[in-house]
């Protein structure tokens, strides 16, 4: 039986950080039987996880940014137990600092290592620096874009596995009216969803500008903002957004979800369409879960024409607009606002695409093969 450690941020609520969310669902869907002994890095004990999963409660906090004190706790645990595992599977974007510590204090000949790389952070690192951050025996990328990039750098031990989501959880719900009542929306409202960032990706300003223009003309258009406040910069940006909405008399037509006390599947389902009009993907995963989760719930998606996003979108399963174009964003919203049948058709195509490429059960099977071969 192979002992496997998933090296992650705290596996614990709130479920608002993509890498730990993915590791959590992967753990739940692995066939553990007599093949693997799986260890998770948690804060406390999660009763819903299978009993055969060993929960290492090493963290004391799990909200907002990954604090320095929590990073130290994770590092000390790995140093203490560095030869206790057959496989160490890393689920975070490597930096110069964490790579240095892993290479010099943790990596050893007994333990095979795997990196699941969600994004290469080309905005921060040169190609030569990225090569030095790839320290594992096997590199798994989220996208073909990243795999090809590493191949061109001469890194041979690379494969691509798309991230998986729980399609039994992220699906169309029939109780949208009840959900809306819980979040102060009415059955006849046309609700836009934006799940993204306040200070990164360059989307929030365009979303707010478009919403203000459309809401002034259409009284039934409302906005749901499932955007977490991770730091002081986010808090300041949220204050500016609130001020802007109040200035235009629209604050009472917006619902903010940033306390972690909600299910994202509910948020997608109470909305009519989902928006992802980002100007860049700096710091975001190559395949953003906020986009594919909405697609899995059969919600039409409007997103930017960034090359990295083309890997999981097409003219059937989404509406693609020019980046940084408020006019195109507004036009796309109005196109879906006026055409319920088109919303339905795009939603169905999005769900089909997720069933084919992002089913966590299929993804777990691919990782099982990797663990067996390592």
Protein backbone atom coordinates (compact mmCIF):
# COMPACT_ATOMS: atom_id res chain seq x y z
CA UNK A 1 0.00 0.00 0.00
CA UNK A 2 1.45 3.35 -1.07
CA UNK A 3 1.37 6.23 1.40
CA UNK A 4 0.44 9.46 -0.39
CA UNK A 5 0.47 12.99 1.02
CA UNK A 6 -1.50 15.72 -0.75
CA UNK A 7 0.43 18.91 0.00
CA UNK A 8 -2.08 21.75 0.03
CA UNK A 9 -3.41 24.75 1.82
CA UNK A 10 -5.74 23.82 4.70
CA UNK A 11 -8.36 21.32 3.51
CA UNK A 12 -11.19 22.98 5.43
CA UNK A 13 -14.01 25.50 4.94
CA UNK A 14 -14.49 28.02 3.48
CA UNK A 15 -14.41 26.32 0.09
CA UNK A 16 -13.28 29.40 -1.80
CA UNK A 17 -9.77 28.49 -2.94
CA UNK A 18 -9.52 26.45 -6.10
CA UNK A 19 -6.43 24.31 -5.44
CA UNK A 20 -7.59 22.98 -2.08
CA UNK A 21 -11.11 22.53 -3.43
CA UNK A 22 -9.76 20.36 -6.23
CA UNK A 23 -7.61 18.31 -3.83
CA UNK A 24 -10.63 17.82 -1.54
CA UNK A 25 -12.84 16.44 -4.33
CA UNK A 26 -10.00 14.37 -5.75
CA UNK A 27 -9.49 12.73 -2.35
CA UNK A 28 -13.19 11.95 -2.07
CA UNK A 29 -13.25 10.26 -5.47
CA UNK A 30 -10.05 8.21 -5.40
CA UNK A 31 -10.53 4.46 -5.13
CA UNK A 32 -8.52 3.94 -1.95
CA UNK A 33 -9.38 0.25 -1.21
CA UNK A 34 -6.10 -1.61 -0.71
CA UNK A 35 -3.97 0.48 -3.07
CA UNK A 36 -3.35 3.77 -1.33
CA UNK A 37 -3.14 5.27 2.14
CA UNK A 38 -4.09 8.90 1.57
CA UNK A 39 -3.08 11.72 3.94
CA UNK A 40 -4.62 15.21 3.80
CA UNK A 41 -3.36 18.42 5.43
CA UNK A 42 -6.40 19.81 7.26
CA UNK A 43 -7.54 22.25 9.91
CA UNK A 44 -9.51 20.04 12.28
CA UNK A 45 -11.31 16.92 11.12
CA UNK A 46 -13.83 16.82 8.28
CA UNK A 47 -16.49 14.21 9.16
CA UNK A 48 -17.76 13.93 5.58
CA UNK A 49 -14.51 12.49 4.24
CA UNK A 50 -14.16 8.69 3.90
CA UNK A 51 -12.84 7.10 7.11
CA UNK A 52 -9.86 5.53 5.35
CA UNK A 53 -8.47 9.00 4.56
CA UNK A 54 -6.00 10.07 7.24
CA UNK A 55 -6.50 13.72 8.16
CA UNK A 56 -3.38 15.45 9.42
CA UNK A 57 -4.76 18.41 11.40
CA UNK A 58 -1.71 20.64 11.21
CA UNK A 59 -3.28 24.01 10.43
CA UNK A 60 -4.97 26.37 12.88
CA UNK A 61 -6.65 28.70 10.36
CA UNK A 62 -8.02 28.46 6.83
CA UNK A 63 -9.51 31.81 5.82
CA UNK A 64 -8.29 34.63 3.59
CA UNK A 65 -4.64 34.64 2.50
CA UNK A 66 -2.39 31.72 3.35
CA UNK A 67 -0.70 33.34 6.37
CA UNK A 68 3.03 32.99 7.06
CA UNK A 69 2.38 31.14 10.33
CA UNK A 70 0.36 28.51 8.47
CA UNK A 71 3.08 28.12 5.84
CA UNK A 72 5.58 27.44 8.61
CA UNK A 73 3.29 24.78 10.09
CA UNK A 74 3.04 23.08 6.69
CA UNK A 75 6.81 23.25 6.18
CA UNK A 76 7.66 21.82 9.61
CA UNK A 77 5.22 18.94 9.13
CA UNK A 78 6.79 18.04 5.78
CA UNK A 79 10.33 18.21 7.16
CA UNK A 80 9.43 16.03 10.13
CA UNK A 81 7.70 13.41 7.95
CA UNK A 82 9.67 13.76 4.72
CA UNK A 83 10.51 10.05 4.50
CA UNK A 84 7.14 8.80 5.76
CA UNK A 85 5.44 8.90 2.36
CA UNK A 86 5.93 7.09 -0.93
CA UNK A 87 4.44 9.97 -2.92
CA UNK A 88 4.19 13.70 -2.17
CA UNK A 89 1.66 15.37 -4.45
CA UNK A 90 1.91 19.17 -4.48
CA UNK A 91 -1.18 21.29 -5.25
CA UNK A 92 0.03 24.86 -5.33
CA UNK A 93 1.71 27.24 -7.72
CA UNK A 94 5.46 27.00 -7.06
CA UNK A 95 7.44 30.08 -6.05
CA UNK A 96 11.17 30.55 -5.67
CA UNK A 97 10.88 30.37 -1.88
CA UNK A 98 8.72 27.26 -1.49
CA UNK A 99 10.70 25.50 -4.23
CA UNK A 100 13.95 26.29 -2.40
CA UNK A 101 12.68 24.75 0.84
CA UNK A 102 11.29 21.67 -0.89
CA UNK A 103 14.49 21.03 -2.86
CA UNK A 104 16.80 21.56 0.11
CA UNK A 105 14.86 20.35 3.15
CA UNK A 106 12.09 17.99 2.02
CA UNK A 107 12.80 16.24 -1.30
CA UNK A 108 14.49 12.87 -0.84
CA UNK A 109 15.25 9.69 -2.77
CA UNK A 110 12.57 7.62 -0.99
CA UNK A 111 9.61 9.83 -1.86
CA UNK A 112 8.40 10.32 -5.42
CA UNK A 113 7.05 13.79 -6.08
CA UNK A 114 4.25 15.07 -8.32
CA UNK A 115 3.39 18.67 -9.05
CA UNK A 116 -0.06 19.62 -10.32
CA UNK A 117 0.62 23.00 -11.91
CA UNK A 118 -2.51 25.08 -12.34
CA UNK A 119 -0.69 28.01 -13.95
CA UNK A 120 2.90 28.85 -14.87
CA UNK A 121 2.77 32.51 -13.71
CA UNK A 122 4.43 33.79 -16.86
CA UNK A 123 3.64 37.29 -15.58
CA UNK A 124 6.14 36.79 -12.74
CA UNK A 125 8.80 34.40 -14.03
CA UNK A 126 11.00 34.04 -17.09
CA UNK A 127 11.19 30.73 -18.93
CA UNK A 128 14.48 29.93 -17.22
CA UNK A 129 12.97 30.67 -13.80
CA UNK A 130 9.92 28.52 -14.56
CA UNK A 131 12.21 25.58 -15.44
CA UNK A 132 13.87 25.85 -12.04
CA UNK A 133 10.46 25.75 -10.31
CA UNK A 134 9.64 22.36 -11.82
CA UNK A 135 11.20 20.15 -9.14
CA UNK A 136 9.10 16.96 -9.26
CA UNK A 137 9.47 13.55 -10.85
CA UNK A 138 6.23 14.21 -12.74
CA UNK A 139 4.58 17.49 -13.71
CA UNK A 140 0.81 17.56 -14.32
CA UNK A 141 -0.56 20.69 -16.00
CA UNK A 142 -4.16 21.90 -16.07
CA UNK A 143 -3.95 22.82 -19.74
CA UNK A 144 -2.39 21.83 -23.04
CA UNK A 145 -1.17 25.42 -23.26
CA UNK A 146 1.05 24.93 -20.19
CA UNK A 147 2.11 21.43 -21.26
CA UNK A 148 3.29 22.68 -24.65
CA UNK A 149 5.10 25.56 -22.97
CA UNK A 150 7.04 23.20 -20.69
CA UNK A 151 7.73 20.84 -23.59
CA UNK A 152 9.32 23.73 -25.49
CA UNK A 153 11.52 24.44 -22.48
CA UNK A 154 12.86 20.91 -22.69
CA UNK A 155 11.02 19.50 -19.67
CA UNK A 156 10.13 15.91 -20.55
CA UNK A 157 8.20 14.59 -17.54
CA UNK A 158 4.96 16.46 -18.28
CA UNK A 159 1.38 15.32 -18.79
CA UNK A 160 -1.90 17.19 -18.93
CA UNK A 161 -4.96 16.36 -16.83
CA UNK A 162 -7.80 18.85 -16.73
CA UNK A 163 -9.06 19.78 -13.25
CA UNK A 164 -12.13 17.86 -12.13
CA UNK A 165 -15.32 19.06 -10.49
CA UNK A 166 -18.09 17.14 -8.77
CA UNK A 167 -20.78 17.03 -11.45
CA UNK A 168 -23.26 15.53 -8.98
CA UNK A 169 -22.97 18.74 -6.99
CA UNK A 170 -22.44 21.24 -9.78
CA UNK A 171 -25.54 20.68 -11.88
CA UNK A 172 -28.78 22.39 -12.73
CA UNK A 173 -31.14 22.64 -9.76
CA UNK A 174 -34.89 22.84 -10.07
CA UNK A 175 -35.45 24.91 -6.91
CA UNK A 176 -34.18 28.22 -8.27
CA UNK A 177 -37.19 30.11 -6.84
CA UNK A 178 -36.43 28.91 -3.32
CA UNK A 179 -32.76 29.74 -3.74
CA UNK A 180 -33.55 33.25 -4.90
CA UNK A 181 -35.75 33.90 -1.89
CA UNK A 182 -32.80 33.07 0.36
CA UNK A 183 -30.69 35.69 -1.39
CA UNK A 184 -33.32 38.44 -1.79
CA UNK A 185 -33.96 37.91 -5.49
CA UNK A 186 -37.42 37.42 -7.00
CA UNK A 187 -38.45 34.72 -9.52
CA UNK A 188 -38.78 37.28 -12.32
CA UNK A 189 -35.40 38.93 -11.82
CA UNK A 190 -32.68 38.48 -14.43
CA UNK A 191 -29.67 37.78 -12.26
CA UNK A 192 -26.07 38.15 -13.43
CA UNK A 193 -23.34 36.25 -11.61
CA UNK A 194 -19.74 37.35 -11.33
CA UNK A 195 -17.39 35.02 -9.47
CA UNK A 196 -13.90 36.44 -9.74
CA UNK A 197 -11.56 38.88 -8.04
CA UNK A 198 -11.69 42.46 -6.79
CA UNK A 199 -8.12 43.55 -7.48
CA UNK A 200 -6.81 40.95 -9.97
CA UNK A 201 -7.78 39.96 -13.51
CA UNK A 202 -9.17 43.36 -14.48
CA UNK A 203 -12.82 42.32 -14.65
CA UNK A 204 -14.69 43.92 -11.75
CA UNK A 205 -14.69 47.47 -13.15
CA UNK A 206 -16.17 46.34 -16.47
CA UNK A 207 -18.77 44.17 -14.72
CA UNK A 208 -19.90 47.07 -12.53
CA UNK A 209 -19.90 49.60 -15.38
CA UNK A 210 -21.96 47.29 -17.58
CA UNK A 211 -24.36 46.42 -14.78
CA UNK A 212 -24.99 50.08 -13.90
CA UNK A 213 -25.76 50.95 -17.53
CA UNK A 214 -28.09 47.98 -18.04
CA UNK A 215 -29.81 48.14 -14.65
CA UNK A 216 -30.82 51.76 -15.24
CA UNK A 217 -32.72 50.65 -18.36
CA UNK A 218 -34.05 47.31 -17.11
CA UNK A 219 -35.45 47.21 -13.59
CA UNK A 220 -35.38 43.41 -13.42
CA UNK A 221 -31.61 43.07 -13.94
CA UNK A 222 -29.82 42.23 -10.68
CA UNK A 223 -26.23 41.30 -9.82
CA UNK A 224 -24.73 38.59 -7.63
CA UNK A 225 -21.09 39.11 -6.62
CA UNK A 226 -19.47 35.95 -5.25
CA UNK A 227 -16.09 37.61 -4.83
CA UNK A 228 -14.04 36.91 -1.73
CA UNK A 229 -12.16 39.62 0.16
CA UNK A 230 -8.68 38.18 0.61
CA UNK A 231 -6.70 41.19 1.80
CA UNK A 232 -6.79 44.92 2.50
CA UNK A 233 -6.57 45.83 -1.19
CA UNK A 234 -9.67 43.72 -1.88
CA UNK A 235 -11.48 45.35 1.04
CA UNK A 236 -10.69 48.82 -0.30
CA UNK A 237 -11.83 47.85 -3.79
CA UNK A 238 -15.09 46.47 -2.43
CA UNK A 239 -15.70 49.79 -0.65
CA UNK A 240 -15.24 51.62 -3.96
CA UNK A 241 -17.69 49.24 -5.68
CA UNK A 242 -20.26 49.73 -2.91
CA UNK A 243 -19.84 53.51 -3.15
CA UNK A 244 -20.30 53.42 -6.92
CA UNK A 245 -23.48 51.34 -6.62
CA UNK A 246 -24.93 53.60 -3.94
CA UNK A 247 -24.13 56.69 -5.98
CA UNK A 248 -26.17 55.24 -8.84
CA UNK A 249 -29.03 54.06 -6.59
CA UNK A 250 -28.38 50.39 -7.34
CA UNK A 251 -26.91 49.03 -4.13
CA UNK A 252 -30.14 47.24 -3.18
CA UNK A 253 -30.07 45.34 -6.48
CA UNK A 254 -26.72 43.66 -5.75
CA UNK A 255 -26.04 40.72 -3.46
CA UNK A 256 -22.55 40.22 -2.04
CA UNK A 257 -21.33 36.73 -1.14
CA UNK A 258 -17.95 36.90 0.57
CA UNK A 259 -18.35 35.30 3.99
CA UNK A 260 -17.89 31.69 2.87
CA UNK A 261 -21.26 30.71 4.33
CA UNK A 262 -22.84 29.55 1.11
CA UNK A 263 -22.58 26.81 -1.51
CA UNK A 264 -21.18 27.95 -4.84
CA UNK A 265 -23.49 25.52 -6.62
CA UNK A 266 -26.40 27.50 -5.13
CA UNK A 267 -24.92 30.80 -6.29
CA UNK A 268 -24.62 29.61 -9.88
CA UNK A 269 -28.13 28.17 -9.86
CA UNK A 270 -29.89 31.25 -8.54
CA UNK A 271 -28.47 33.25 -11.45
CA UNK A 272 -29.48 33.35 -15.12
CA UNK A 273 -26.05 33.86 -16.64
CA UNK A 274 -22.44 33.93 -15.46
CA UNK A 275 -19.76 36.48 -16.38
CA UNK A 276 -16.00 36.04 -16.68
CA UNK A 277 -14.82 39.07 -18.72
CA UNK A 278 -11.22 39.07 -17.47
CA UNK A 279 -8.48 41.19 -19.06
CA UNK A 280 -5.70 38.86 -17.97
CA UNK A 281 -5.22 35.56 -16.15
CA UNK A 282 -2.32 36.61 -13.91
CA UNK A 283 -2.44 34.39 -10.85
CA UNK A 284 -5.54 32.55 -12.05
CA UNK A 285 -5.62 28.89 -12.94
CA UNK A 286 -5.40 28.06 -16.66
CA UNK A 287 -8.85 26.48 -16.38
CA UNK A 288 -10.67 28.68 -13.83
CA UNK A 289 -13.12 26.62 -11.78
CA UNK A 290 -15.45 29.63 -11.55
CA UNK A 291 -16.05 29.28 -15.28
CA UNK A 292 -16.45 25.51 -15.62
CA UNK A 293 -18.56 25.20 -12.46
CA UNK A 294 -21.04 27.67 -13.94
CA UNK A 295 -21.04 25.73 -17.21
CA UNK A 296 -21.69 22.49 -15.32
CA UNK A 297 -24.77 24.14 -13.79
CA UNK A 298 -26.00 24.87 -17.33
CA UNK A 299 -25.51 28.61 -16.97
CA UNK A 300 -24.54 30.48 -20.13
CA UNK A 301 -21.06 31.94 -19.77
CA UNK A 302 -19.80 35.24 -21.18
CA UNK A 303 -16.02 35.46 -21.19
CA UNK A 304 -13.07 37.23 -22.80
CA UNK A 305 -11.22 36.18 -25.92
CA UNK A 306 -7.97 35.40 -24.11
CA UNK A 307 -6.02 32.60 -25.85
CA UNK A 308 -5.75 30.53 -22.66
CA UNK A 309 -9.55 30.44 -22.30
CA UNK A 310 -10.11 29.05 -25.80
CA UNK A 311 -9.08 25.60 -24.60
CA UNK A 312 -12.44 25.01 -22.91
CA UNK A 313 -14.79 27.35 -24.77
CA UNK A 314 -16.36 27.47 -28.20
CA UNK A 315 -19.24 29.18 -30.00
CA UNK A 316 -21.69 26.53 -28.79
CA UNK A 317 -20.98 26.53 -25.04
CA UNK A 318 -20.31 30.23 -24.37
CA UNK A 319 -20.36 33.80 -25.67
CA UNK A 320 -16.90 35.16 -26.32
CA UNK A 321 -16.28 38.92 -26.25
CA UNK A 322 -13.32 41.19 -26.84
CA UNK A 323 -11.31 41.71 -23.70
CA UNK A 324 -11.77 45.08 -21.98
CA UNK A 325 -14.87 45.90 -24.01
CA UNK A 326 -17.74 47.07 -21.84
CA UNK A 327 -19.92 47.58 -24.91
CA UNK A 328 -19.46 43.97 -26.08
CA UNK A 329 -20.08 42.70 -22.54
CA UNK A 330 -23.33 44.68 -22.34
CA UNK A 331 -24.42 43.55 -25.80
CA UNK A 332 -23.79 39.90 -24.92
CA UNK A 333 -25.77 40.26 -21.69
CA UNK A 334 -28.68 41.83 -23.55
CA UNK A 335 -28.52 39.12 -26.22
CA UNK A 336 -29.03 36.45 -23.55
CA UNK A 337 -31.50 38.61 -21.63
CA UNK A 338 -33.77 38.70 -24.67
CA UNK A 339 -33.41 35.06 -25.71
CA UNK A 340 -34.35 32.39 -23.16
CA UNK A 341 -34.00 29.59 -25.72
CA UNK A 342 -30.43 30.60 -26.53
CA UNK A 343 -29.62 30.64 -22.82
CA UNK A 344 -30.94 27.10 -22.55
CA UNK A 345 -29.03 25.83 -25.59
CA UNK A 346 -25.71 27.32 -24.48
CA UNK A 347 -26.24 25.94 -20.98
CA UNK A 348 -26.85 22.43 -22.27
CA UNK A 349 -23.71 22.56 -24.44
CA UNK A 350 -21.67 23.78 -21.47
CA UNK A 351 -22.85 20.86 -19.35
CA UNK A 352 -21.99 18.40 -22.14
CA UNK A 353 -18.47 19.79 -22.37
CA UNK A 354 -17.97 19.44 -18.61
CA UNK A 355 -19.24 15.86 -18.64
CA UNK A 356 -16.67 15.02 -21.30
CA UNK A 357 -13.65 16.85 -19.89
CA UNK A 358 -14.08 17.84 -16.22
CA UNK A 359 -15.79 14.94 -14.44
CA UNK A 360 -13.92 14.45 -11.14
CA UNK A 361 -14.57 10.68 -11.30
CA UNK A 362 -12.71 10.41 -14.62
CA UNK A 363 -9.97 12.73 -13.39
CA UNK A 364 -9.51 10.64 -10.22
CA UNK A 365 -9.01 7.53 -12.35
CA UNK A 366 -6.19 9.26 -14.23
CA UNK A 367 -4.45 10.20 -10.98
CA UNK A 368 -4.86 6.65 -9.68
CA UNK A 369 -2.90 5.43 -12.71
CA UNK A 370 -0.19 7.98 -11.99
CA UNK A 371 0.05 6.92 -8.34
CA UNK A 372 0.29 3.26 -9.36
CA UNK A 373 3.05 4.02 -11.83
CA UNK A 374 5.06 6.24 -9.49
